[in-house]
C-alpha cells in the first residue's frame, strides 16, 4: 500500500513537472514564431517601402518626362503660331505697301486722265462742229436724190401698171388669179414628190431598223446564254441510315410535329431509303427546314426544345445569307451604291420564283441582257443593268399589297433615291406607266426574252403558289391566330393560335369559321382540312 501511494505521488509530481516543462517549451516556440513573424512583417514592410519609393520615383520621372514633352510640344506649337503670326504680319505689311503704291499710281493716272479728258473734250468739240457741217451738206444732197428717186419710182409704177394691164388683157386673167394658179400647181407637184420620197425613206428605215433590231436581239441572247430549271415544291434531305429517321420522328411523332410547327412545312418520312421529303410551296421555309434538319442530325440532340432553338438560329442565319446574296449579286454585276434595303430585296429573290423561274436568276439575266443591248445601242449601260436587276423588286416586298409589282417596284426605287430613268424603266416594263426613258423599252424586251426561253417558266406553278398564299392569308386574318401554314399541297391548313387568348371552344369555332370563309371566297379542287392547334406552355427561369 505505501508503495502504491509513493508511485502515485511520483507520477503526480512527474506529471506536474512535465506540464511545466511543456508550457515552458510552448512559450519558447510561440516566442520564436512571434519573432519570425515580426521579422517577416518588417521584411515585407521594408520591401513595400522600397517598392513604393521605386514606384514613386518612376511616377515622378514619368510626370517630369510628360511635363517636358508637353512643354516642348507647347513651345513648338507656340513657335509655329508665332511664325505664322509673323508671316501674316509680313504679308499684311507687304500688302499695305503694295496698296500704297497702287494708290499713288492711281492718283497719277487720275491726274493724267483729267488732262487727257480736257484735251479730248476740246478735240471732240472741234470734230463735232466739222461733222455737223458735213451732215448738213449730205442732208441737202440726200434730199435732192430722194426727190429724184420718187419721180423715177412713179414712172416705174406707171410702166408696171401698163404692162400688167396688157398681160391681163392677153391672158384673160387678173394678176392675183394667175398667182394663185401658179402656187397651186407648184404645191401639188411638191406634195407628190415629197410623198414619194417619204415612202421610200420610211420603207428603207423600217427594213434597216428591223434588221438591226433582230441582229442586236440575237447577238444579245447568244452572248447571255443561261440554264433554266423549274422550281418545284419539294426538297430531299439525305440521311446516312434509317436509324436517324426514328430520332427525327421522335416518341409518338412529337419531334416531327414540333419541326413542322416551327418551320411551316410538311415532313414526309416514307419508305424511301436514306431520304426524307420536305414539302412546302415557300422556298425560304423549305431551306430553313433543310438546314435545321442538317444541324439537328449533326448535333444528335433532337427534341422539341432543341428543334425550336435550332430553327430560330437557322432563320436568323437565312436573314444574314439574304444580305450576303444581295451584296454578292451587286458585286458580280458591277452595280454600286444600292440602298441596303434594296440589297436585302435582291437577296430575297434567291428564294422566290416567278411562274416557276427563279427570280434572282431571271433578274440577273435581264440585267446582263439590258447591259448588252444598251452597249450596242449606245445607251447608258449602268442605268440599263441597274433597271434590269431591280425590275421585279416589287415581287419580294414583305407586305405584298394589291398593287401591281411594277408599280410597287417603281415606288420602292423612287423611295431609295434611284435615278429617274431606272424608276421609269421599273414601272413601265408591264406598261403600267408611260415610258419616258430610253432604257424602259430595253427592260421590257429583255424581260420578255428571259421569260420566253423554252423551259423557263410554267404558268401553273405561279397560280398554284398564289392559291396557297391566299389560303394562309385567309386564316391569318382571324383574331387570335399567330401562324398559319398551308401543307399537303394545299389540302391541309395548319393554324397555330394564341393559347392565352383563345380557349378550346374558341379554337373549334375558329376552325369552323375558316372553313366557311374558304368555301365562300375561294375556288379549289377536292377538300381542305383545317387543323387549329392550341398549345399551352408555362415557362419560368431558375436564376
Protein backbone atom coordinates (compact mmCIF):
# COMPACT_ATOMS: atom_id res chain seq x y z
CA UNK A 1 0.00 0.00 0.00
CA UNK A 2 2.71 2.59 0.81
CA UNK A 3 4.42 1.67 -2.45
CA UNK A 4 1.28 2.46 -4.38
CA UNK A 5 0.98 5.83 -2.69
CA UNK A 6 4.59 6.51 -3.43
CA UNK A 7 4.13 5.62 -7.03
CA UNK A 8 1.06 7.82 -7.32
CA UNK A 9 2.84 10.75 -5.76
CA UNK A 10 5.79 10.22 -8.02
CA UNK A 11 3.50 10.09 -11.04
CA UNK A 12 1.69 13.27 -9.98
CA UNK A 13 4.97 15.08 -9.44
CA UNK A 14 6.28 13.83 -12.76
CA UNK A 15 3.07 14.94 -14.45
CA UNK A 16 3.31 18.39 -12.93
CA UNK A 17 6.95 18.73 -13.94
CA UNK A 18 6.06 17.56 -17.45
CA UNK A 19 3.23 20.05 -17.70
CA UNK A 20 5.52 22.83 -16.54
CA UNK A 21 8.29 21.88 -18.92
CA UNK A 22 5.72 21.60 -21.75
CA UNK A 23 4.38 25.08 -21.04
CA UNK A 24 7.89 26.46 -21.00
CA UNK A 25 8.68 24.78 -24.32
CA UNK A 26 5.41 26.03 -25.87
CA UNK A 27 6.10 29.58 -24.72
CA UNK A 28 9.55 29.37 -26.23
CA UNK A 29 8.14 28.06 -29.51
CA UNK A 30 5.49 30.80 -29.53
CA UNK A 31 8.15 33.44 -28.90
CA UNK A 32 10.27 32.08 -31.74
CA UNK A 33 7.25 32.06 -34.09
CA UNK A 34 6.33 35.56 -33.00
CA UNK A 35 9.90 36.72 -33.62
CA UNK A 36 9.89 35.08 -37.05
CA UNK A 37 6.53 36.70 -37.85
CA UNK A 38 7.82 40.07 -36.64
CA UNK A 39 10.94 39.75 -38.83
CA UNK A 40 8.79 38.66 -41.77
CA UNK A 41 6.47 41.64 -41.25
CA UNK A 42 9.45 44.00 -41.05
CA UNK A 43 10.86 42.49 -44.25
CA UNK A 44 7.52 42.86 -46.04
CA UNK A 45 7.15 46.44 -44.81
CA UNK A 46 10.69 47.25 -45.89
CA UNK A 47 10.12 45.72 -49.33
CA UNK A 48 6.80 47.58 -49.65
CA UNK A 49 8.50 50.86 -48.70
CA UNK A 50 11.25 50.18 -51.25
CA UNK A 51 8.67 49.32 -53.92
CA UNK A 52 6.63 52.37 -53.03
CA UNK A 53 9.74 54.54 -53.22
CA UNK A 54 10.67 52.97 -56.57
CA UNK A 55 7.15 53.44 -57.92
CA UNK A 56 7.10 56.99 -56.62
CA UNK A 57 10.39 57.74 -58.37
CA UNK A 58 9.10 56.13 -61.58
CA UNK A 59 5.89 58.16 -61.44
CA UNK A 60 7.87 61.34 -60.75
CA UNK A 61 10.17 60.57 -63.68
CA UNK A 62 7.20 59.82 -65.92
CA UNK A 63 5.48 63.01 -64.81
CA UNK A 64 8.66 65.00 -65.45
CA UNK A 65 9.09 63.39 -68.88
CA UNK A 66 5.44 64.05 -69.71
CA UNK A 67 5.79 67.65 -68.47
CA UNK A 68 8.93 68.15 -70.54
CA UNK A 69 7.25 66.57 -73.56
CA UNK A 70 4.15 68.72 -73.16
CA UNK A 71 6.32 71.75 -72.58
CA UNK A 72 8.34 71.06 -75.74
CA UNK A 73 5.15 70.42 -77.72
CA UNK A 74 3.63 73.64 -76.34
CA UNK A 75 6.77 75.59 -77.15
CA UNK A 76 6.90 74.04 -80.62
CA UNK A 77 3.22 74.85 -81.20
CA UNK A 78 3.76 78.37 -79.83
CA UNK A 79 6.74 78.86 -82.12
CA UNK A 80 4.71 77.66 -85.08
CA UNK A 81 1.89 80.05 -84.22
CA UNK A 82 4.37 82.88 -83.68
CA UNK A 83 5.97 82.15 -87.05
CA UNK A 84 2.52 82.10 -88.67
CA UNK A 85 1.65 85.40 -86.98
CA UNK A 86 4.96 86.93 -88.10
CA UNK A 87 4.40 85.66 -91.64
CA UNK A 88 0.88 87.08 -91.64
CA UNK A 89 2.16 90.41 -90.33
CA UNK A 90 4.80 90.47 -93.07
CA UNK A 91 2.14 89.69 -95.66
CA UNK A 92 -0.04 92.48 -94.27
CA UNK A 93 2.83 94.91 -94.40
CA UNK A 94 3.66 93.87 -97.96
CA UNK A 95 0.01 94.26 -98.96
CA UNK A 96 -0.11 97.71 -97.29
CA UNK A 97 2.98 98.76 -99.23
CA UNK A 98 1.50 97.37 -102.44
CA UNK A 99 -1.78 99.19 -101.78
CA UNK A 100 0.04 102.44 -101.10
CA UNK A 101 1.96 102.07 -104.33
CA UNK A 102 -1.22 101.31 -106.23
CA UNK A 103 -2.94 104.34 -104.65
CA UNK A 104 -0.06 106.59 -105.72
CA UNK A 105 -0.21 105.15 -109.23
CA UNK A 106 -3.99 105.66 -109.24
CA UNK A 107 -3.57 109.31 -108.26
CA UNK A 108 -1.03 109.85 -111.03
CA UNK A 109 -3.29 108.08 -113.51
CA UNK A 110 -6.22 110.19 -112.35
CA UNK A 111 -4.28 113.41 -112.97
CA UNK A 112 -3.16 112.15 -116.39
CA UNK A 113 -6.73 111.13 -117.24
CA UNK A 114 -8.02 114.58 -116.26
CA UNK A 115 -5.54 116.22 -118.63
CA UNK A 116 -6.37 113.79 -121.43
CA UNK A 117 -10.09 114.38 -120.78
CA UNK A 118 -9.67 118.12 -121.26
CA UNK A 119 -7.70 117.58 -124.46
CA UNK A 120 -10.24 115.08 -125.77
CA UNK A 121 -13.13 117.36 -124.90
CA UNK A 122 -11.58 120.21 -126.89
CA UNK A 123 -10.81 117.91 -129.82
CA UNK A 124 -14.34 116.43 -129.76
CA UNK A 125 -15.91 119.87 -129.82
CA UNK A 126 -13.93 120.75 -132.93
CA UNK A 127 -14.76 117.44 -134.63
CA UNK A 128 -18.45 117.81 -133.68
CA UNK A 129 -18.62 121.18 -135.42
CA UNK A 130 -16.97 119.76 -138.54
CA UNK A 131 -19.32 116.76 -138.60
CA UNK A 132 -22.41 118.94 -138.21
CA UNK A 133 -21.32 120.97 -141.22
CA UNK A 134 -20.73 117.82 -143.28
CA UNK A 135 -24.08 116.36 -142.20
CA UNK A 136 -25.91 119.45 -143.33
CA UNK A 137 -24.30 119.20 -146.76
CA UNK A 138 -25.05 115.45 -147.06
CA UNK A 139 -28.63 116.01 -145.88
CA UNK A 140 -29.27 118.53 -148.69
CA UNK A 141 -27.69 116.11 -151.21
CA UNK A 142 -29.81 113.17 -149.97
CA UNK A 143 -32.98 115.20 -150.14
CA UNK A 144 -32.22 116.02 -153.77
CA UNK A 145 -31.55 112.30 -154.52
CA UNK A 146 -34.78 111.27 -152.71
CA UNK A 147 -36.80 113.65 -154.85
CA UNK A 148 -35.19 112.21 -157.96
CA UNK A 149 -35.87 108.60 -156.79
CA UNK A 150 -39.51 109.46 -156.03
CA UNK A 151 -40.06 110.75 -159.53
CA UNK A 152 -38.34 107.66 -161.01
CA UNK A 153 -40.48 105.34 -158.83
CA UNK A 154 -43.68 106.98 -160.03
CA UNK A 155 -42.58 106.47 -163.62
CA UNK A 156 -41.69 102.78 -162.99
CA UNK A 157 -45.00 102.10 -161.24
CA UNK A 158 -46.89 103.69 -164.11
CA UNK A 159 -44.98 101.50 -166.61
CA UNK A 160 -45.60 98.38 -164.44
CA UNK A 161 -49.35 99.03 -164.34
CA UNK A 162 -49.45 99.46 -168.10
CA UNK A 163 -47.54 96.13 -168.61
CA UNK A 164 -49.80 94.25 -166.12
CA UNK A 165 -52.89 95.64 -167.85
CA UNK A 166 -51.61 94.46 -171.22
CA UNK A 167 -50.84 90.93 -169.79
CA UNK A 168 -54.31 90.69 -168.19
CA UNK A 169 -55.95 91.60 -171.48
CA UNK A 170 -53.83 88.98 -173.34
CA UNK A 171 -54.28 86.10 -170.73
CA UNK A 172 -57.87 86.90 -169.79
CA UNK A 173 -56.88 86.62 -166.04
CA UNK A 174 -56.12 89.08 -163.32
CA UNK A 175 -52.67 89.09 -161.66
CA UNK A 176 -53.99 87.62 -158.35
CA UNK A 177 -55.77 84.77 -160.17
CA UNK A 178 -52.64 83.90 -162.15
CA UNK A 179 -50.56 83.93 -158.97
CA UNK A 180 -52.97 81.55 -157.20
CA UNK A 181 -52.99 79.06 -160.10
CA UNK A 182 -49.19 79.02 -160.20
CA UNK A 183 -48.93 78.44 -156.43
CA UNK A 184 -51.47 75.58 -156.52
CA UNK A 185 -49.62 73.84 -159.37
CA UNK A 186 -46.26 74.10 -157.64
CA UNK A 187 -47.78 72.96 -154.33
CA UNK A 188 -49.37 69.83 -155.85
CA UNK A 189 -46.15 68.89 -157.62
CA UNK A 190 -44.10 69.37 -154.44
CA UNK A 191 -46.52 67.24 -152.34
CA UNK A 192 -46.39 64.39 -154.87
CA UNK A 193 -42.58 64.37 -154.89
CA UNK A 194 -42.34 64.69 -151.10
CA UNK A 195 -44.81 61.84 -150.53
CA UNK A 196 -42.84 59.57 -152.81
CA UNK A 197 -39.56 60.39 -151.06
CA UNK A 198 -41.12 59.89 -147.61
CA UNK A 199 -42.46 56.45 -148.52
CA UNK A 200 -39.07 55.37 -149.81
CA UNK A 201 -37.29 56.69 -146.71
CA UNK A 202 -39.78 55.09 -144.27
CA UNK A 203 -39.62 51.71 -146.06
CA UNK A 204 -35.83 51.80 -146.04
CA UNK A 205 -35.76 52.81 -142.34
CA UNK A 206 -38.17 50.04 -141.36
CA UNK A 207 -36.18 47.44 -143.24
CA UNK A 208 -32.94 48.62 -141.70
CA UNK A 209 -34.39 49.02 -138.19
CA UNK A 210 -35.98 45.54 -138.22
CA UNK A 211 -32.76 44.03 -139.48
CA UNK A 212 -30.63 45.82 -136.87
CA UNK A 213 -33.08 45.05 -134.05
CA UNK A 214 -33.10 41.34 -134.91
CA UNK A 215 -29.33 41.36 -135.10
CA UNK A 216 -28.95 43.04 -131.67
CA UNK A 217 -31.51 40.73 -130.01
CA UNK A 218 -29.97 37.56 -131.47
CA UNK A 219 -26.43 38.60 -130.54
CA UNK A 220 -27.58 39.54 -127.03
CA UNK A 221 -29.36 36.22 -126.46
CA UNK A 222 -26.34 34.28 -127.75
CA UNK A 223 -23.95 36.22 -125.51
CA UNK A 224 -26.20 35.80 -122.44
CA UNK A 225 -26.96 32.09 -122.52
CA UNK A 226 -28.44 30.79 -119.25
CA UNK A 227 -29.53 27.47 -117.85
CA UNK A 228 -33.03 27.17 -116.51
CA UNK A 229 -34.52 24.79 -114.00
CA UNK A 230 -38.13 24.90 -112.93
CA UNK A 231 -38.60 25.41 -109.19
CA UNK A 232 -40.55 22.64 -107.53
CA UNK A 233 -42.21 22.41 -104.14
CA UNK A 234 -40.17 19.64 -102.50
CA UNK A 235 -36.64 19.27 -101.17
CA UNK A 236 -34.92 15.97 -100.43
CA UNK A 237 -32.89 15.60 -97.23
CA UNK A 238 -30.46 12.69 -97.37
CA UNK A 239 -29.55 10.80 -94.22
CA UNK A 240 -26.83 8.24 -93.58
CA UNK A 241 -29.05 5.50 -92.19
CA UNK A 242 -32.70 4.76 -91.49
CA UNK A 243 -31.98 4.71 -87.74
CA UNK A 244 -31.82 8.51 -87.80
CA UNK A 245 -35.40 8.59 -89.12
CA UNK A 246 -36.59 7.27 -85.75
CA UNK A 247 -34.80 10.11 -83.92
CA UNK A 248 -36.30 12.67 -86.28
CA UNK A 249 -39.81 11.26 -85.79
CA UNK A 250 -39.42 11.07 -82.01
CA UNK A 251 -41.62 9.41 -79.46
CA UNK A 252 -45.16 9.26 -80.84
CA UNK A 253 -44.09 11.68 -83.57
CA UNK A 254 -43.52 14.65 -81.24
CA UNK A 255 -40.21 15.73 -82.88
CA UNK A 256 -41.57 15.77 -86.40
CA UNK A 257 -44.68 17.65 -85.25
CA UNK A 258 -42.52 20.25 -83.49
CA UNK A 259 -40.39 20.65 -86.62
CA UNK A 260 -43.45 21.08 -88.84
CA UNK A 261 -44.99 23.59 -86.44
CA UNK A 262 -41.77 25.63 -86.21
CA UNK A 263 -40.95 25.73 -89.94
CA UNK A 264 -44.39 25.58 -91.61
CA UNK A 265 -43.52 22.73 -93.98
CA UNK A 266 -44.58 19.11 -94.22
CA UNK A 267 -42.01 16.42 -93.39
CA UNK A 268 -42.73 13.21 -95.32
CA UNK A 269 -40.99 10.13 -93.92
CA UNK A 270 -41.95 7.22 -96.20
CA UNK A 271 -40.27 4.01 -97.26
CA UNK A 272 -37.69 5.79 -99.41
CA UNK A 273 -34.34 4.59 -98.05
CA UNK A 274 -31.97 7.16 -96.57
CA UNK A 275 -34.15 10.14 -97.61
CA UNK A 276 -36.73 12.49 -96.08
CA UNK A 277 -39.00 14.67 -98.23
CA UNK A 278 -39.54 18.32 -97.20
CA UNK A 279 -42.70 19.64 -98.85
CA UNK A 280 -43.83 23.30 -98.96
CA UNK A 281 -44.54 25.98 -101.53
CA UNK A 282 -42.34 28.62 -99.84
CA UNK A 283 -38.64 28.06 -100.73
CA UNK A 284 -37.50 30.00 -97.65
CA UNK A 285 -39.40 27.68 -95.31
CA UNK A 286 -38.03 24.61 -97.10
CA UNK A 287 -34.48 25.91 -96.85
CA UNK A 288 -34.90 26.68 -93.13
CA UNK A 289 -36.30 23.18 -92.54
CA UNK A 290 -33.49 21.53 -94.53
CA UNK A 291 -30.69 23.40 -92.73
CA UNK A 292 -32.34 22.82 -89.35
CA UNK A 293 -32.58 19.07 -90.01
CA UNK A 294 -28.93 19.02 -91.06
CA UNK A 295 -27.84 20.73 -87.83
CA UNK A 296 -30.04 18.56 -85.64
CA UNK A 297 -28.75 15.34 -87.20
CA UNK A 298 -25.13 16.53 -86.92
CA UNK A 299 -25.66 17.54 -83.28
CA UNK A 300 -27.54 14.36 -82.33
CA UNK A 301 -29.80 16.09 -79.79
CA UNK A 302 -33.29 16.02 -81.29
CA UNK A 303 -36.18 17.07 -79.04
CA UNK A 304 -38.87 19.79 -79.28
CA UNK A 305 -36.99 22.46 -77.30
CA UNK A 306 -33.79 21.88 -79.26
CA UNK A 307 -35.74 21.91 -82.54
CA UNK A 308 -37.24 25.33 -81.77
CA UNK A 309 -33.81 26.71 -80.80
CA UNK A 310 -32.14 25.43 -83.97
CA UNK A 311 -34.97 26.68 -86.21
CA UNK A 312 -34.73 30.18 -84.66
CA UNK A 313 -30.96 30.27 -85.25
CA UNK A 314 -31.36 28.97 -88.79
CA UNK A 315 -33.99 31.61 -89.58
CA UNK A 316 -31.56 34.29 -88.36
CA UNK A 317 -28.76 32.80 -90.48
CA UNK A 318 -31.04 32.81 -93.53
CA UNK A 319 -31.67 36.54 -93.00
CA UNK A 320 -27.90 37.13 -92.93
CA UNK A 321 -27.47 34.95 -96.01
CA UNK A 322 -30.09 37.03 -97.85
CA UNK A 323 -27.99 40.18 -97.30
CA UNK A 324 -24.84 38.35 -98.39
CA UNK A 325 -26.53 37.08 -101.58
CA UNK A 326 -27.72 40.60 -102.42
CA UNK A 327 -24.26 42.10 -101.91
CA UNK A 328 -22.58 39.32 -103.92
CA UNK A 329 -25.07 39.77 -106.77
CA UNK A 330 -24.47 43.53 -106.90
CA UNK A 331 -20.68 42.96 -106.93
CA UNK A 332 -20.91 40.30 -109.67
CA UNK A 333 -22.93 42.63 -111.89
CA UNK A 334 -20.76 45.67 -111.12
CA UNK A 335 -23.66 47.64 -109.61
CA UNK A 336 -22.62 50.05 -106.86
CA UNK A 337 -24.42 52.35 -104.42
CA UNK A 338 -27.56 50.25 -103.89
CA UNK A 339 -29.54 51.11 -100.76
CA UNK A 340 -29.24 48.40 -98.03
CA UNK A 341 -33.00 47.69 -98.23
CA UNK A 342 -32.74 47.14 -101.98
CA UNK A 343 -29.80 44.79 -101.38
CA UNK A 344 -31.96 42.75 -98.96
CA UNK A 345 -34.73 42.56 -101.55
CA UNK A 346 -32.27 41.37 -104.19
CA UNK A 347 -31.16 38.64 -101.78
CA UNK A 348 -34.78 37.62 -101.16
CA UNK A 349 -35.16 36.99 -104.89
CA UNK A 350 -32.99 33.90 -104.44
CA UNK A 351 -35.85 32.28 -102.52
CA UNK A 352 -38.69 33.43 -104.80
CA UNK A 353 -39.92 32.16 -108.14
CA UNK A 354 -41.90 33.77 -110.95
CA UNK A 355 -44.00 31.27 -112.87
CA UNK A 356 -41.59 28.57 -111.72
CA UNK A 357 -38.49 30.55 -112.79
CA UNK A 358 -36.05 31.56 -110.05
CA UNK A 359 -36.50 35.29 -109.63
CA UNK A 360 -32.84 36.12 -108.88
CA UNK A 361 -31.53 34.19 -111.89
CA UNK A 362 -34.20 35.84 -114.05
CA UNK A 363 -33.27 39.33 -112.80
CA UNK A 364 -29.54 38.70 -113.28
CA UNK A 365 -30.19 37.53 -116.82
CA UNK A 366 -32.36 40.55 -117.60
CA UNK A 367 -29.62 42.84 -116.21
CA UNK A 368 -26.98 41.25 -118.46
CA UNK A 369 -29.31 41.36 -121.48
CA UNK A 370 -30.08 45.04 -120.86
CA UNK A 371 -26.38 45.90 -120.49
CA UNK A 372 -25.51 44.15 -123.75
CA UNK A 373 -28.33 45.81 -125.71
CA UNK A 374 -27.59 49.24 -124.20
CA UNK A 375 -23.93 48.91 -125.21
CA UNK A 376 -24.96 48.00 -128.78
CA UNK A 377 -27.35 50.97 -128.98
CA UNK A 378 -25.03 53.48 -127.32
CA UNK A 379 -27.26 53.99 -124.25
CA UNK A 380 -26.31 54.25 -120.55
CA UNK A 381 -25.14 50.71 -119.68
CA UNK A 382 -25.14 51.30 -115.90
CA UNK A 383 -28.74 52.52 -115.82
CA UNK A 384 -29.85 49.65 -118.07
CA UNK A 385 -28.16 47.00 -115.93
CA UNK A 386 -29.49 48.56 -112.70
CA UNK A 387 -33.05 48.69 -114.05
CA UNK A 388 -32.79 45.09 -115.29
CA UNK A 389 -31.76 43.81 -111.86
CA UNK A 390 -34.43 45.77 -109.96
CA UNK A 391 -37.34 45.44 -112.43
CA UNK A 392 -39.09 42.69 -110.38
CA UNK A 393 -38.19 44.08 -106.94
CA UNK A 394 -41.89 44.63 -106.23
CA UNK A 395 -42.44 40.86 -106.05
CA UNK A 396 -40.42 40.42 -102.85
CA UNK A 397 -41.95 43.07 -100.60
CA UNK A 398 -42.83 41.64 -97.15
CA UNK A 399 -46.40 43.01 -97.00
CA UNK A 400 -47.32 42.16 -100.66
CA UNK A 401 -50.09 44.76 -101.27
CA UNK A 402 -52.67 44.53 -104.05
CA UNK A 403 -50.89 46.95 -106.41
CA UNK A 404 -49.08 45.54 -109.49
CA UNK A 405 -45.49 44.56 -108.73
CA UNK A 406 -44.15 47.02 -111.34
CA UNK A 407 -45.81 49.97 -109.54
CA UNK A 408 -44.58 48.71 -106.15
CA UNK A 409 -41.04 48.37 -107.51
CA UNK A 410 -41.20 51.86 -109.02
CA UNK A 411 -42.29 53.36 -105.69
CA UNK A 412 -39.52 51.50 -103.85
CA UNK A 413 -36.88 52.67 -106.33
CA UNK A 414 -38.15 56.24 -106.01
CA UNK A 415 -38.13 55.95 -102.19
CA UNK A 416 -34.50 54.81 -102.15
CA UNK A 417 -33.33 57.62 -104.49
CA UNK A 418 -32.71 55.64 -107.70
CA UNK A 419 -32.18 57.52 -110.99
CA UNK A 420 -35.44 58.68 -112.69
CA UNK A 421 -34.61 56.59 -115.80
CA UNK A 422 -34.27 53.46 -113.62
CA UNK A 423 -37.52 54.29 -111.79
CA UNK A 424 -39.42 54.72 -115.06
CA UNK A 425 -37.98 51.51 -116.55
CA UNK A 426 -39.14 49.51 -113.49
CA UNK A 427 -42.65 50.96 -113.55
CA UNK A 428 -43.10 50.72 -117.33
CA UNK A 429 -41.87 47.19 -118.03
CA UNK A 430 -45.51 45.94 -117.96
CA UNK A 431 -46.97 49.18 -119.43
CA UNK A 432 -48.48 50.32 -116.10
CA UNK A 433 -46.94 53.76 -116.66
CA UNK A 434 -45.83 55.64 -119.77
CA UNK A 435 -42.26 55.06 -120.98
CA UNK A 436 -40.22 58.27 -120.72
CA UNK A 437 -36.67 56.85 -120.52
CA UNK A 438 -34.62 55.29 -123.33
CA UNK A 439 -33.83 52.18 -121.25
CA UNK A 440 -37.51 51.43 -120.48
CA UNK A 441 -38.27 49.54 -123.74
CA UNK A 442 -34.98 47.65 -123.31
CA UNK A 443 -36.04 46.34 -119.89
CA UNK A 444 -39.44 45.33 -121.25
CA UNK A 445 -37.88 43.50 -124.20
CA UNK A 446 -35.22 41.76 -122.10
CA UNK A 447 -37.84 40.68 -119.53
CA UNK A 448 -39.83 39.08 -122.35
CA UNK A 449 -36.69 37.43 -123.79
CA UNK A 450 -35.70 35.92 -120.43
CA UNK A 451 -39.21 34.67 -119.65
CA UNK A 452 -39.92 33.26 -123.10
CA UNK A 453 -36.98 30.87 -123.30
CA UNK A 454 -38.11 27.22 -123.63
CA UNK A 455 -38.49 25.70 -120.18
CA UNK A 456 -38.00 28.99 -118.34
CA UNK A 457 -41.49 29.44 -116.92
CA UNK A 458 -44.57 27.49 -116.02
CA UNK A 459 -47.88 29.30 -115.51
CA UNK A 460 -49.48 26.55 -113.40
CA UNK A 461 -46.80 26.82 -110.72
CA UNK A 462 -47.46 30.53 -110.12
CA UNK A 463 -51.23 30.14 -109.86
CA UNK A 464 -50.75 27.18 -107.50
CA UNK A 465 -48.48 29.17 -105.15
CA UNK A 466 -50.87 32.11 -105.30
CA UNK A 467 -53.73 29.87 -104.17
CA UNK A 468 -51.67 28.56 -101.23
CA UNK A 469 -50.77 32.11 -100.17
CA UNK A 470 -54.42 33.10 -100.32
CA UNK A 471 -55.24 30.15 -98.05
CA UNK A 472 -52.70 31.33 -95.47
CA UNK A 473 -53.83 34.97 -95.70
CA UNK A 474 -57.45 33.91 -95.18
CA UNK A 475 -56.63 32.06 -91.97
CA UNK A 476 -54.19 34.64 -90.57
CA UNK A 477 -56.89 37.33 -90.79
CA UNK A 478 -58.80 35.78 -87.87
CA UNK A 479 -58.26 37.20 -84.38
CA UNK A 480 -56.09 35.05 -82.12
CA UNK A 481 -54.20 33.33 -84.97
CA UNK A 482 -50.42 33.58 -84.60
CA UNK A 483 -49.14 31.49 -87.51
CA UNK A 484 -50.62 29.63 -90.45
CA UNK A 485 -49.08 27.12 -92.88
CA UNK A 486 -50.56 25.51 -95.98
CA UNK A 487 -49.23 21.95 -96.31
CA UNK A 488 -50.08 18.74 -98.16
CA UNK A 489 -50.05 20.68 -101.47
CA UNK A 490 -52.86 22.89 -100.17
CA UNK A 491 -55.05 20.02 -98.94
CA UNK A 492 -54.39 20.91 -95.27
CA UNK A 493 -54.22 24.22 -93.44
CA UNK A 494 -52.35 24.15 -90.12
CA UNK A 495 -53.29 27.09 -87.86
CA UNK A 496 -51.48 27.99 -84.60
CA UNK A 497 -53.49 30.12 -82.16
CA UNK A 498 -52.56 32.03 -79.02
CA UNK A 499 -53.35 29.80 -76.02
CA UNK A 500 -53.66 32.77 -73.65
CA UNK A 501 -56.42 34.48 -75.66
CA UNK A 502 -58.12 31.52 -77.38
CA UNK A 503 -59.93 28.79 -75.46
CA UNK A 504 -60.54 25.23 -76.69
CA UNK A 505 -64.13 26.14 -77.61
CA UNK A 506 -62.91 29.26 -79.44
CA UNK A 507 -60.32 27.15 -81.33
CA UNK A 508 -63.08 24.88 -82.63
CA UNK A 509 -65.10 27.95 -83.62
CA UNK A 510 -62.10 29.45 -85.48
CA UNK A 511 -61.60 26.18 -87.37
CA UNK A 512 -65.26 26.20 -88.50
CA UNK A 513 -65.21 29.91 -89.43
CA UNK A 514 -62.06 29.47 -91.53
CA UNK A 515 -63.59 26.54 -93.41
CA UNK A 516 -66.75 28.54 -94.14
CA UNK A 517 -64.78 31.56 -95.36
CA UNK A 518 -62.66 29.39 -97.65
CA UNK A 519 -65.78 27.77 -99.09
CA UNK A 520 -67.38 31.13 -99.85
CA UNK A 521 -64.39 33.08 -101.15
CA UNK A 522 -62.04 30.58 -102.82
CA UNK A 523 -62.09 28.02 -105.61
CA UNK A 524 -60.12 24.82 -105.06
CA UNK A 525 -60.20 21.15 -106.07
CA UNK A 526 -61.19 18.44 -103.58
CA UNK A 527 -61.35 19.35 -99.89
CA UNK A 528 -59.16 21.24 -97.45
CA UNK A 529 -58.54 20.08 -93.87
CA UNK A 530 -58.28 22.94 -91.34
CA UNK A 531 -56.32 21.96 -88.21
CA UNK A 532 -56.27 24.50 -85.38
CA UNK A 533 -53.50 23.86 -82.83
CA UNK A 534 -53.75 25.37 -79.35
CA UNK A 535 -50.68 24.60 -77.26
CA UNK A 536 -50.36 25.82 -73.67
CA UNK A 537 -46.83 26.48 -72.46
CA UNK A 538 -45.72 27.54 -69.00
CA UNK A 539 -42.19 28.95 -68.98
CA UNK A 540 -40.17 30.11 -65.99
CA UNK A 541 -36.47 30.61 -65.30
CA UNK A 542 -34.38 29.49 -62.31
CA UNK A 543 -31.76 32.12 -61.53
